[in-house]
Amino acid sequence: MNIVKSVFILGAIATLALTTGCASVQKASPQEDNAAKAFKSNPEYSQVYVYRNETLGAALSMPVTVDGKTAGNTGPKSYFKFNLPAGKHTLTSQGDKSVLDINTENGKIYYVWQEVKMGVMSGGSKLQLVDTDKGQKGVKQCTLIKTNL
């Protein structure tokens, strides 16, 4: 009987962890999400999409900064869209565990994949500049989230 009780308790704990453990992020409206997924460039600024299209590490929210300013936290299947002036920009994830410097031009769109990396004790991420096809495909799998910028 002790084994059955232990299995039941472990199952209940696992169920609770799975249903409440996902990282929460503040989603933008469906209209804003659809507009961002039109991928229309603007000659007045560069656009940078940072997306996380994996469910790996779903319980982890991952902070993102742009030029030292906190943009917010990504969760699974989410993305940010930043309108930035042309020039050099530094994006970070999880402090300075992942740093990506990019040089942008007005009128161009850039895609940054926030790849989730699972470690022994905790998860991490790696920011990677990707091409347009891969970037748009990844963003389309995600939902736009609000940014603090």
Protein backbone atom coordinates (compact mmCIF):
# COMPACT_ATOMS: atom_id res chain seq x y z
CA MET A 1 0.00 0.00 0.00
CA ASN A 2 2.87 2.43 0.66
CA ILE A 3 4.10 2.05 -2.93
CA VAL A 4 0.65 2.84 -4.35
CA LYS A 5 0.35 5.88 -2.09
CA SER A 6 3.83 7.09 -3.08
CA VAL A 7 3.10 6.69 -6.78
CA PHE A 8 -0.16 8.59 -6.37
CA ILE A 9 1.54 11.47 -4.52
CA LEU A 10 4.34 11.68 -7.10
CA GLY A 11 1.77 11.69 -9.90
CA ALA A 12 -0.17 14.49 -8.25
CA ILE A 13 2.99 16.55 -7.76
CA ALA A 14 4.05 16.00 -11.39
CA THR A 15 0.60 17.02 -12.66
CA LEU A 16 0.65 20.16 -10.55
CA ALA A 17 4.15 21.07 -11.77
CA LEU A 18 3.19 20.57 -15.42
CA THR A 19 0.02 22.65 -15.19
CA THR A 20 1.48 25.55 -13.20
CA GLY A 21 5.15 25.51 -14.17
CA CYS A 22 5.00 27.22 -17.54
CA ALA A 23 6.56 30.65 -17.80
CA SER A 24 3.98 33.38 -18.18
CA VAL A 25 4.50 36.35 -20.48
CA GLN A 26 2.25 39.28 -21.36
CA LYS A 27 0.91 38.69 -24.85
CA ALA A 28 0.19 41.47 -27.30
CA SER A 29 -3.21 41.68 -28.98
CA PRO A 30 -3.97 39.34 -31.90
CA GLN A 31 -4.10 42.41 -34.17
CA GLU A 32 -0.56 43.45 -33.14
CA ASP A 33 0.64 39.87 -33.62
CA ASN A 34 -0.87 39.69 -37.12
CA ALA A 35 0.59 43.08 -38.08
CA ALA A 36 4.07 42.06 -36.89
CA LYS A 37 3.84 38.82 -38.88
CA ALA A 38 3.31 40.82 -42.09
CA PHE A 39 7.10 41.45 -41.97
CA LYS A 40 6.83 44.88 -43.62
CA SER A 41 10.04 46.86 -43.51
CA ASN A 42 10.11 50.56 -42.68
CA PRO A 43 12.73 52.92 -44.16
CA GLU A 44 12.85 54.96 -40.93
CA TYR A 45 14.24 52.21 -38.67
CA SER A 46 15.52 48.65 -38.55
CA GLN A 47 13.36 45.87 -37.15
CA VAL A 48 14.65 43.07 -34.99
CA TYR A 49 12.58 40.01 -34.11
CA VAL A 50 13.77 37.89 -31.17
CA TYR A 51 11.88 34.60 -31.10
CA ARG A 52 11.80 31.47 -28.99
CA ASN A 53 9.89 28.80 -30.91
CA GLU A 54 10.73 25.84 -28.70
CA THR A 55 8.79 24.31 -25.85
CA LEU A 56 11.99 23.03 -24.26
CA GLY A 57 12.43 24.81 -20.94
CA ALA A 58 8.77 25.81 -20.85
CA ALA A 59 8.92 26.58 -17.14
CA LEU A 60 11.71 29.11 -17.70
CA SER A 61 11.17 32.72 -18.57
CA MET A 62 14.29 34.15 -20.16
CA PRO A 63 15.16 37.83 -19.81
CA VAL A 64 16.20 39.79 -22.89
CA THR A 65 17.92 43.17 -22.98
CA VAL A 66 18.59 45.51 -25.89
CA ASP A 67 21.47 47.92 -25.51
CA GLY A 68 21.44 47.42 -21.74
CA LYS A 69 17.71 48.07 -21.34
CA THR A 70 15.41 45.31 -20.14
CA ALA A 71 12.98 44.37 -22.90
CA GLY A 72 11.17 41.68 -20.91
CA ASN A 73 11.10 37.91 -20.62
CA THR A 74 10.36 35.37 -23.30
CA GLY A 75 8.44 32.18 -22.70
CA PRO A 76 7.94 29.19 -24.94
CA LYS A 77 6.54 29.98 -28.40
CA SER A 78 6.89 33.76 -27.99
CA TYR A 79 8.67 36.64 -29.73
CA PHE A 80 9.54 40.31 -29.41
CA LYS A 81 9.66 42.85 -32.24
CA PHE A 82 11.90 45.88 -31.79
CA ASN A 83 12.04 48.99 -33.99
CA LEU A 84 15.60 50.24 -33.62
CA PRO A 85 17.67 53.01 -35.17
CA ALA A 86 20.38 51.94 -37.58
CA GLY A 87 23.68 51.06 -35.96
CA LYS A 88 25.28 48.63 -33.56
CA HIS A 89 23.02 46.97 -31.00
CA THR A 90 23.79 44.50 -28.25
CA LEU A 91 21.19 41.91 -27.30
CA THR A 92 21.63 39.76 -24.23
CA SER A 93 19.77 36.87 -22.71
CA GLN A 94 20.04 35.76 -19.12
CA GLY A 95 22.44 38.47 -18.09
CA ASP A 96 25.61 38.14 -20.08
CA LYS A 97 25.38 34.38 -20.54
CA SER A 98 24.37 34.96 -24.16
CA VAL A 99 25.41 38.14 -25.98
CA LEU A 100 24.81 39.03 -29.62
CA ASP A 101 26.08 42.20 -31.30
CA ILE A 102 24.37 43.15 -34.56
CA ASN A 103 24.81 46.08 -36.93
CA THR A 104 21.47 47.12 -38.39
CA GLU A 105 20.42 49.28 -41.31
CA ASN A 106 17.18 51.23 -41.63
CA GLY A 107 14.65 49.48 -43.83
CA LYS A 108 15.98 46.01 -43.04
CA ILE A 109 14.58 43.22 -40.86
CA TYR A 110 16.71 40.96 -38.67
CA TYR A 111 15.77 37.68 -36.98
CA VAL A 112 17.36 36.42 -33.77
CA TRP A 113 16.64 32.90 -32.53
CA GLN A 114 16.76 32.46 -28.76
CA GLU A 115 17.74 28.80 -28.63
CA VAL A 116 17.06 27.12 -25.29
CA LYS A 117 19.99 25.20 -23.85
CA MET A 118 19.33 22.85 -20.96
CA GLY A 119 22.09 22.46 -18.39
CA VAL A 120 22.57 20.14 -15.45
CA MET A 121 21.21 22.54 -12.83
CA SER A 122 19.33 25.11 -14.92
CA GLY A 123 18.46 26.20 -18.43
CA GLY A 124 20.19 28.77 -20.54
CA SER A 125 19.91 30.25 -23.98
CA LYS A 126 21.98 31.19 -26.99
CA LEU A 127 21.08 34.13 -29.24
CA GLN A 128 21.75 33.50 -32.93
CA LEU A 129 21.22 35.71 -35.97
CA VAL A 130 19.38 33.62 -38.59
CA ASP A 131 18.36 34.14 -42.22
CA THR A 132 14.98 35.51 -43.31
CA ASP A 133 13.39 32.16 -44.22
CA LYS A 134 14.30 30.49 -40.93
CA GLY A 135 13.42 33.62 -38.96
CA GLN A 136 9.98 34.12 -40.48
CA LYS A 137 9.15 30.44 -40.10
CA GLY A 138 10.15 30.57 -36.43
CA VAL A 139 8.24 33.79 -35.71
CA LYS A 140 5.08 32.37 -37.33
CA GLN A 141 5.17 29.53 -34.77
CA CYS A 142 5.08 32.06 -31.92
CA THR A 143 2.91 34.75 -30.35
CA LEU A 144 3.97 38.40 -30.01
CA ILE A 145 4.65 39.50 -26.45
CA LYS A 146 4.75 43.02 -25.03
CA THR A 147 8.09 44.66 -24.42
CA ASN A 148 9.21 47.19 -21.81
CA LEU A 149 11.03 49.22 -24.49
